Amino acid sequence: MKEHAVKLAKEQVRVDIQALDDVPEEDVVRAKESILKKLKRLVPGTGSGIGAMQKEDGSICTSPEEIALVLRQHWQGVFKKKTCKYGGSANLDGRII
């Protein structure tokens, strides 16, 4: 699946480069910046995903499953049911993955 996405992205960059001749002169700089941004996303090792996470005990985890668990534990505390100032309550439990 990832290979297919990369193939499609490369093809789109090729189309964008070929279309530069038809871009109005005042938009060329913006179009080139857009192409450059797409190319940077295709460079290996430049992903914006989380590669490691520090647990509460100070240890580092790198597996996606462990990272998801650490994030879930953190955000569950942030979004747990709280009493509002005006007597109501806000319940956001279960709204995070």
N, C-alpha and C. Protein backbone atom coordinates (compact mmCIF):
# COMPACT_ATOMS: atom_id res chain seq x y z
N MET A 1 0.82 -1.19 0.00
CA MET A 1 0.00 0.00 0.00
C MET A 1 0.87 1.26 0.00
N LYS A 2 1.91 1.25 0.84
CA LYS A 2 2.78 2.42 0.91
C LYS A 2 3.48 2.65 -0.43
N GLU A 3 3.93 1.56 -1.07
CA GLU A 3 4.61 1.69 -2.35
C GLU A 3 3.68 2.32 -3.39
N HIS A 4 2.42 1.94 -3.35
CA HIS A 4 1.44 2.50 -4.29
C HIS A 4 1.25 4.00 -4.04
N ALA A 5 1.19 4.38 -2.78
CA ALA A 5 1.04 5.80 -2.43
C ALA A 5 2.25 6.60 -2.91
N VAL A 6 3.43 6.06 -2.73
CA VAL A 6 4.66 6.74 -3.18
C VAL A 6 4.66 6.87 -4.69
N LYS A 7 4.25 5.81 -5.37
CA LYS A 7 4.19 5.84 -6.83
C LYS A 7 3.24 6.92 -7.32
N LEU A 8 2.06 7.01 -6.69
CA LEU A 8 1.09 8.04 -7.06
C LEU A 8 1.62 9.44 -6.78
N ALA A 9 2.32 9.60 -5.65
CA ALA A 9 2.87 10.92 -5.30
C ALA A 9 3.94 11.34 -6.30
N LYS A 10 4.78 10.40 -6.71
CA LYS A 10 5.82 10.71 -7.71
C LYS A 10 5.18 11.10 -9.04
N GLU A 11 4.14 10.39 -9.41
CA GLU A 11 3.45 10.71 -10.66
C GLU A 11 2.83 12.10 -10.61
N GLN A 12 2.26 12.46 -9.46
CA GLN A 12 1.67 13.78 -9.30
C GLN A 12 2.73 14.88 -9.40
N VAL A 13 3.90 14.63 -8.85
CA VAL A 13 5.00 15.60 -8.95
C VAL A 13 5.40 15.78 -10.41
N ARG A 14 5.48 14.67 -11.15
CA ARG A 14 5.81 14.76 -12.58
C ARG A 14 4.78 15.62 -13.32
N VAL A 15 3.51 15.38 -13.03
CA VAL A 15 2.43 16.15 -13.67
C VAL A 15 2.56 17.62 -13.32
N ASP A 16 2.83 17.91 -12.04
CA ASP A 16 2.97 19.30 -11.59
C ASP A 16 4.14 20.00 -12.29
N ILE A 17 5.25 19.28 -12.45
CA ILE A 17 6.42 19.86 -13.12
C ILE A 17 6.11 20.16 -14.58
N GLN A 18 5.44 19.24 -15.25
CA GLN A 18 5.07 19.45 -16.65
C GLN A 18 4.09 20.61 -16.80
N ALA A 19 3.25 20.82 -15.79
CA ALA A 19 2.24 21.87 -15.85
C ALA A 19 2.81 23.26 -15.55
N LEU A 20 4.07 23.32 -15.12
CA LEU A 20 4.67 24.62 -14.79
C LEU A 20 4.66 25.58 -15.98
N ASP A 21 4.77 25.05 -17.19
CA ASP A 21 4.77 25.91 -18.38
C ASP A 21 3.45 26.65 -18.56
N ASP A 22 2.37 26.08 -18.03
CA ASP A 22 1.05 26.68 -18.19
C ASP A 22 0.64 27.56 -17.01
N VAL A 23 1.48 27.62 -15.98
CA VAL A 23 1.16 28.40 -14.79
C VAL A 23 1.45 29.87 -15.06
N PRO A 24 0.52 30.77 -14.69
CA PRO A 24 0.78 32.20 -14.87
C PRO A 24 2.06 32.62 -14.13
N GLU A 25 2.76 33.57 -14.71
CA GLU A 25 4.06 33.98 -14.17
C GLU A 25 4.00 34.37 -12.69
N GLU A 26 2.91 35.00 -12.28
CA GLU A 26 2.81 35.45 -10.88
C GLU A 26 2.61 34.27 -9.91
N ASP A 27 2.26 33.09 -10.43
CA ASP A 27 2.04 31.92 -9.58
C ASP A 27 3.15 30.89 -9.66
N VAL A 28 4.18 31.14 -10.46
CA VAL A 28 5.24 30.16 -10.67
C VAL A 28 5.99 29.86 -9.37
N VAL A 29 6.32 30.88 -8.61
CA VAL A 29 7.08 30.68 -7.37
C VAL A 29 6.28 29.79 -6.42
N ARG A 30 5.00 30.08 -6.26
CA ARG A 30 4.15 29.28 -5.37
C ARG A 30 4.04 27.84 -5.86
N ALA A 31 3.92 27.66 -7.18
CA ALA A 31 3.81 26.32 -7.75
C ALA A 31 5.11 25.53 -7.53
N LYS A 32 6.25 26.19 -7.69
CA LYS A 32 7.53 25.53 -7.46
C LYS A 32 7.70 25.15 -5.99
N GLU A 33 7.28 26.03 -5.09
CA GLU A 33 7.35 25.72 -3.66
C GLU A 33 6.48 24.52 -3.31
N SER A 34 5.32 24.44 -3.94
CA SER A 34 4.43 23.31 -3.72
C SER A 34 5.08 22.00 -4.19
N ILE A 35 5.71 22.04 -5.34
CA ILE A 35 6.41 20.86 -5.86
C ILE A 35 7.55 20.47 -4.93
N LEU A 36 8.31 21.44 -4.47
CA LEU A 36 9.43 21.16 -3.57
C LEU A 36 8.94 20.53 -2.26
N LYS A 37 7.83 21.03 -1.74
CA LYS A 37 7.25 20.47 -0.52
C LYS A 37 6.85 19.01 -0.73
N LYS A 38 6.27 18.70 -1.88
CA LYS A 38 5.88 17.32 -2.19
C LYS A 38 7.11 16.42 -2.31
N LEU A 39 8.17 16.94 -2.94
CA LEU A 39 9.40 16.17 -3.09
C LEU A 39 10.04 15.88 -1.74
N LYS A 40 10.02 16.85 -0.83
CA LYS A 40 10.61 16.65 0.50
C LYS A 40 9.88 15.55 1.26
N ARG A 41 8.57 15.42 1.05
CA ARG A 41 7.80 14.36 1.72
C ARG A 41 8.20 12.97 1.22
N LEU A 42 8.73 12.90 -0.01
CA LEU A 42 9.10 11.62 -0.59
C LEU A 42 10.49 11.15 -0.17
N VAL A 43 11.30 12.03 0.41
CA VAL A 43 12.65 11.67 0.82
C VAL A 43 12.57 10.71 2.02
N PRO A 44 13.22 9.54 1.92
CA PRO A 44 13.19 8.59 3.04
C PRO A 44 13.76 9.19 4.31
N GLY A 45 13.16 8.85 5.43
CA GLY A 45 13.65 9.30 6.73
C GLY A 45 13.17 10.67 7.15
N THR A 46 12.31 11.29 6.36
CA THR A 46 11.83 12.62 6.73
C THR A 46 10.37 12.59 7.17
N GLY A 47 9.88 11.43 7.55
CA GLY A 47 8.49 11.31 7.99
C GLY A 47 8.23 12.15 9.22
N SER A 48 7.00 12.52 9.41
CA SER A 48 6.66 13.35 10.55
C SER A 48 6.00 12.55 11.67
N GLY A 49 6.08 11.23 11.59
CA GLY A 49 5.49 10.39 12.62
C GLY A 49 6.32 10.39 13.89
N ILE A 50 5.75 9.89 14.97
CA ILE A 50 6.44 9.79 16.25
C ILE A 50 7.24 8.50 16.24
N GLY A 51 8.55 8.59 16.40
CA GLY A 51 9.42 7.42 16.35
C GLY A 51 9.76 6.85 17.72
N ALA A 52 9.60 7.65 18.76
CA ALA A 52 9.91 7.19 20.12
C ALA A 52 9.11 8.04 21.11
N MET A 53 8.91 7.47 22.31
CA MET A 53 8.13 8.17 23.33
C MET A 53 8.71 7.79 24.69
N GLN A 54 8.78 8.76 25.58
CA GLN A 54 9.27 8.49 26.93
C GLN A 54 8.09 8.15 27.82
N LYS A 55 8.20 7.03 28.52
CA LYS A 55 7.15 6.59 29.44
C LYS A 55 7.27 7.36 30.75
N GLU A 56 6.25 7.21 31.61
CA GLU A 56 6.28 7.91 32.90
C GLU A 56 7.46 7.48 33.76
N ASP A 57 7.91 6.22 33.61
CA ASP A 57 9.04 5.73 34.40
C ASP A 57 10.39 6.17 33.84
N GLY A 58 10.38 6.93 32.73
CA GLY A 58 11.61 7.45 32.14
C GLY A 58 12.17 6.59 31.02
N SER A 59 11.67 5.37 30.87
CA SER A 59 12.17 4.51 29.80
C SER A 59 11.62 4.97 28.45
N ILE A 60 12.28 4.57 27.41
CA ILE A 60 11.91 4.96 26.05
C ILE A 60 11.30 3.76 25.33
N CYS A 61 10.19 3.98 24.64
CA CYS A 61 9.61 2.92 23.83
C CYS A 61 9.61 3.38 22.37
N THR A 62 9.74 2.41 21.46
CA THR A 62 9.81 2.74 20.05
C THR A 62 8.78 1.99 19.19
N SER A 63 8.15 0.98 19.74
CA SER A 63 7.17 0.24 18.93
C SER A 63 5.88 1.05 18.83
N PRO A 64 5.22 1.00 17.69
CA PRO A 64 3.97 1.76 17.52
C PRO A 64 2.92 1.42 18.57
N GLU A 65 2.86 0.16 18.98
CA GLU A 65 1.87 -0.26 19.99
C GLU A 65 2.15 0.40 21.33
N GLU A 66 3.43 0.41 21.74
CA GLU A 66 3.79 1.03 23.02
C GLU A 66 3.58 2.54 22.98
N ILE A 67 3.94 3.16 21.87
CA ILE A 67 3.75 4.60 21.72
C ILE A 67 2.26 4.95 21.82
N ALA A 68 1.43 4.15 21.16
CA ALA A 68 -0.02 4.39 21.23
C ALA A 68 -0.53 4.25 22.66
N LEU A 69 -0.02 3.28 23.40
CA LEU A 69 -0.44 3.09 24.79
C LEU A 69 -0.05 4.29 25.65
N VAL A 70 1.18 4.77 25.49
CA VAL A 70 1.64 5.92 26.27
C VAL A 70 0.78 7.15 25.95
N LEU A 71 0.51 7.39 24.67
CA LEU A 71 -0.33 8.53 24.29
C LEU A 71 -1.74 8.39 24.83
N ARG A 72 -2.30 7.19 24.73
CA ARG A 72 -3.65 6.95 25.23
C ARG A 72 -3.73 7.21 26.73
N GLN A 73 -2.75 6.71 27.48
CA GLN A 73 -2.74 6.92 28.93
C GLN A 73 -2.65 8.41 29.27
N HIS A 74 -1.83 9.13 28.55
CA HIS A 74 -1.69 10.56 28.81
C HIS A 74 -2.99 11.31 28.51
N TRP A 75 -3.53 11.12 27.33
CA TRP A 75 -4.70 11.89 26.91
C TRP A 75 -5.97 11.47 27.63
N GLN A 76 -6.06 10.24 28.14
CA GLN A 76 -7.24 9.86 28.92
C GLN A 76 -7.33 10.71 30.18
N GLY A 77 -6.18 11.00 30.78
CA GLY A 77 -6.18 11.86 31.96
C GLY A 77 -6.58 13.28 31.63
N VAL A 78 -6.21 13.74 30.47
CA VAL A 78 -6.53 15.10 30.05
C VAL A 78 -8.03 15.24 29.77
N PHE A 79 -8.62 14.20 29.17
CA PHE A 79 -10.01 14.29 28.75
C PHE A 79 -10.99 13.56 29.67
N LYS A 80 -10.59 13.24 30.89
CA LYS A 80 -11.52 12.54 31.77
C LYS A 80 -12.63 13.49 32.23
N LYS A 81 -13.72 12.93 32.73
CA LYS A 81 -14.89 13.70 33.13
C LYS A 81 -14.52 14.71 34.21
N LYS A 82 -14.93 15.96 33.99
CA LYS A 82 -14.64 17.03 34.93
C LYS A 82 -15.92 17.82 35.19
N THR A 83 -16.04 18.34 36.38
CA THR A 83 -17.19 19.18 36.72
C THR A 83 -16.94 20.58 36.19
N CYS A 84 -17.94 21.12 35.53
CA CYS A 84 -17.82 22.47 34.98
C CYS A 84 -18.16 23.52 36.04
N LYS A 85 -17.74 24.71 35.82
CA LYS A 85 -17.94 25.82 36.74
C LYS A 85 -19.42 26.09 37.00
N TYR A 86 -20.28 25.83 36.03
CA TYR A 86 -21.69 26.17 36.15
C TYR A 86 -22.56 24.98 36.51
N GLY A 87 -21.97 23.96 37.16
CA GLY A 87 -22.75 22.86 37.67
C GLY A 87 -22.93 21.69 36.72
N GLY A 88 -22.62 21.85 35.45
CA GLY A 88 -22.74 20.74 34.50
C GLY A 88 -21.49 19.88 34.57
N SER A 89 -21.39 18.97 33.66
CA SER A 89 -20.17 18.16 33.60
C SER A 89 -19.81 17.95 32.13
N ALA A 90 -18.53 17.77 31.92
CA ALA A 90 -18.04 17.51 30.57
C ALA A 90 -17.49 16.08 30.56
N ASN A 91 -18.04 15.23 29.74
CA ASN A 91 -17.59 13.86 29.68
C ASN A 91 -16.99 13.59 28.30
N LEU A 92 -15.69 13.48 28.25
CA LEU A 92 -15.00 13.20 27.00
C LEU A 92 -14.37 11.81 27.02
N ASP A 93 -14.67 11.00 28.07
CA ASP A 93 -14.12 9.65 28.14
C ASP A 93 -14.55 8.84 26.93
N GLY A 94 -13.67 8.02 26.44
CA GLY A 94 -13.98 7.17 25.31
C GLY A 94 -13.91 7.86 23.97
N ARG A 95 -13.54 9.12 23.93
CA ARG A 95 -13.50 9.85 22.67
C ARG A 95 -12.11 9.84 22.05
N ILE A 96 -11.17 9.20 22.72
CA ILE A 96 -9.84 9.09 22.15
C ILE A 96 -9.55 7.63 21.87
N ILE A 97 -8.65 7.40 20.98
CA ILE A 97 -8.31 6.04 20.58
C ILE A 97 -7.49 5.36 21.64
